[in-house]
Amino acid sequence: MHELGITQNIVSIVSEKAGDQKIKRVKLEIGKLSAIMPDAIRFCFDICAEGTVLAGAKLEIDEIDGRGQCNICGAQMPLTLLAGICACGANDIKCIAGEELLIKEMEVV
C-alpha cells in the first residue's frame, strides 16, 4: 500500500510549512487517474498525524475527474483511463487532469 508512504509525506510537508502552528484542516486534491486511493489516504491520515501538529486535524479530499485533450484536433473529453479515442478518431490523447495529488489548503488554529 503506497498510500501509507504518500500520507507520511503529506504530513511531513504540511508539518514543515506549519512550523509550530497547530493544523485544524488539510484539503487535498487527488486525481481519479492517479492510482492513489482516497479511502486509503483517509485511513492512514490519523495514524501518520499522531504526535505531530496535524494530530486531530480534519482531512478533506476532493477527487478530480480525468480529462484529456486530443493532440490532433484539440478537443477535450472526459477520461476514465489514461488512454482514449477522440471523436475525430485519433488516439493521440494527452491527459490534462486527473493525475494530480495536491495539498490544496491547510488551516491553522
Protein backbone atom coordinates (compact mmCIF):
# COMPACT_ATOMS: atom_id res chain seq x y z
CA MET A 1 0.00 0.00 0.00
CA HIS A 2 1.93 3.02 -1.26
CA GLU A 3 -0.69 5.34 0.24
CA LEU A 4 0.98 4.99 3.66
CA GLY A 5 4.21 6.48 2.30
CA ILE A 6 2.28 9.17 0.44
CA THR A 7 0.35 10.08 3.60
CA GLN A 8 3.60 10.23 5.61
CA ASN A 9 4.98 12.65 3.00
CA ILE A 10 1.83 14.80 3.12
CA VAL A 11 2.07 15.02 6.93
CA SER A 12 5.76 15.86 6.69
CA ILE A 13 5.25 18.61 4.11
CA VAL A 14 2.34 20.21 5.96
CA SER A 15 4.20 19.97 9.30
CA GLU A 16 7.24 21.67 7.79
CA LYS A 17 5.14 24.51 6.36
CA ALA A 18 3.18 24.94 9.59
CA GLY A 19 6.17 25.12 11.89
CA ASP A 20 4.87 25.18 15.46
CA GLN A 21 1.31 26.15 14.45
CA LYS A 22 -1.41 23.56 15.11
CA ILE A 23 -3.23 22.42 11.97
CA LYS A 24 -7.02 22.30 12.07
CA ARG A 25 -7.76 21.15 8.50
CA VAL A 26 -5.94 19.86 5.43
CA LYS A 27 -7.51 19.78 1.97
CA LEU A 28 -6.13 17.55 -0.79
CA GLU A 29 -6.97 17.15 -4.46
CA ILE A 30 -6.47 13.62 -5.76
CA GLY A 31 -6.98 12.77 -9.41
CA LYS A 32 -9.08 9.73 -10.21
CA LEU A 33 -6.38 8.59 -12.65
CA SER A 34 -3.54 8.95 -10.14
CA ALA A 35 -3.63 5.34 -8.82
CA ILE A 36 -3.97 6.80 -5.30
CA MET A 37 -6.92 5.56 -3.28
CA PRO A 38 -8.51 8.40 -1.28
CA ASP A 39 -10.01 5.96 1.24
CA ALA A 40 -6.56 4.55 1.97
CA ILE A 41 -5.19 8.09 2.49
CA ARG A 42 -8.08 8.77 4.89
CA PHE A 43 -7.34 5.53 6.74
CA CYS A 44 -3.63 6.37 7.11
CA PHE A 45 -4.00 10.07 7.91
CA ASP A 46 -4.85 9.92 11.63
CA ILE A 47 -2.13 7.34 12.25
CA CYS A 48 0.51 9.38 10.42
CA ALA A 49 -0.62 12.65 12.03
CA GLU A 50 -0.41 11.29 15.58
CA GLY A 51 2.20 13.16 17.62
CA THR A 52 2.53 15.98 15.04
CA VAL A 53 0.96 19.43 14.62
CA LEU A 54 -1.65 17.66 12.45
CA ALA A 55 -2.95 15.46 15.28
CA GLY A 56 -6.74 15.78 15.31
CA ALA A 57 -6.84 17.72 12.03
CA LYS A 58 -9.73 17.17 9.65
CA LEU A 59 -8.79 15.75 6.25
CA GLU A 60 -10.82 16.81 3.21
CA ILE A 61 -10.27 15.20 -0.18
CA ASP A 62 -11.64 16.43 -3.49
CA GLU A 63 -11.45 13.82 -6.24
CA ILE A 64 -10.61 15.29 -9.65
CA ASP A 65 -12.13 13.66 -12.74
CA GLY A 66 -9.90 12.59 -15.59
CA ARG A 67 -9.82 14.92 -18.59
CA GLY A 68 -7.96 14.55 -21.86
CA GLN A 69 -7.16 16.67 -24.87
CA CYS A 70 -6.67 15.40 -28.41
CA ASN A 71 -3.26 16.32 -29.80
CA ILE A 72 -4.70 16.23 -33.33
CA CYS A 73 -7.87 18.36 -33.19
CA GLY A 74 -7.59 19.92 -29.71
CA ALA A 75 -10.94 18.61 -28.46
CA GLN A 76 -11.27 17.87 -24.76
CA MET A 77 -13.04 14.86 -23.35
CA PRO A 78 -13.58 13.02 -20.06
CA LEU A 79 -11.16 10.16 -19.38
CA THR A 80 -11.68 7.15 -17.16
CA LEU A 81 -8.36 5.60 -18.26
CA LEU A 82 -5.05 7.15 -19.26
CA ALA A 83 -5.93 6.39 -22.88
CA GLY A 84 -8.86 7.20 -25.08
CA ILE A 85 -10.14 7.84 -28.56
CA CYS A 86 -11.29 11.27 -29.68
CA ALA A 87 -14.48 11.85 -31.65
CA CYS A 88 -12.19 12.71 -34.61
CA GLY A 89 -10.88 9.12 -34.48
CA ALA A 90 -7.41 9.94 -33.17
CA ASN A 91 -5.97 8.06 -30.19
CA ASP A 92 -3.25 10.66 -29.53
CA ILE A 93 -4.75 11.90 -26.26
CA LYS A 94 -2.88 13.87 -23.59
CA CYS A 95 -4.13 13.70 -20.01
CA ILE A 96 -4.70 17.26 -18.74
CA ALA A 97 -6.46 16.48 -15.44
CA GLY A 98 -6.94 13.55 -13.12
CA GLU A 99 -3.36 12.53 -12.28
CA GLU A 100 -2.73 15.17 -9.62
CA LEU A 101 -2.04 14.93 -5.93
CA LEU A 102 -2.08 18.42 -4.47
CA ILE A 103 -2.04 19.77 -0.94
CA LYS A 104 -4.56 22.48 -1.76
CA GLU A 105 -5.11 24.12 1.62
CA MET A 106 -4.18 23.92 5.26
CA GLU A 107 -5.97 25.74 8.07
CA VAL A 108 -4.14 26.61 11.25
CA VAL A 109 -5.70 27.15 14.66
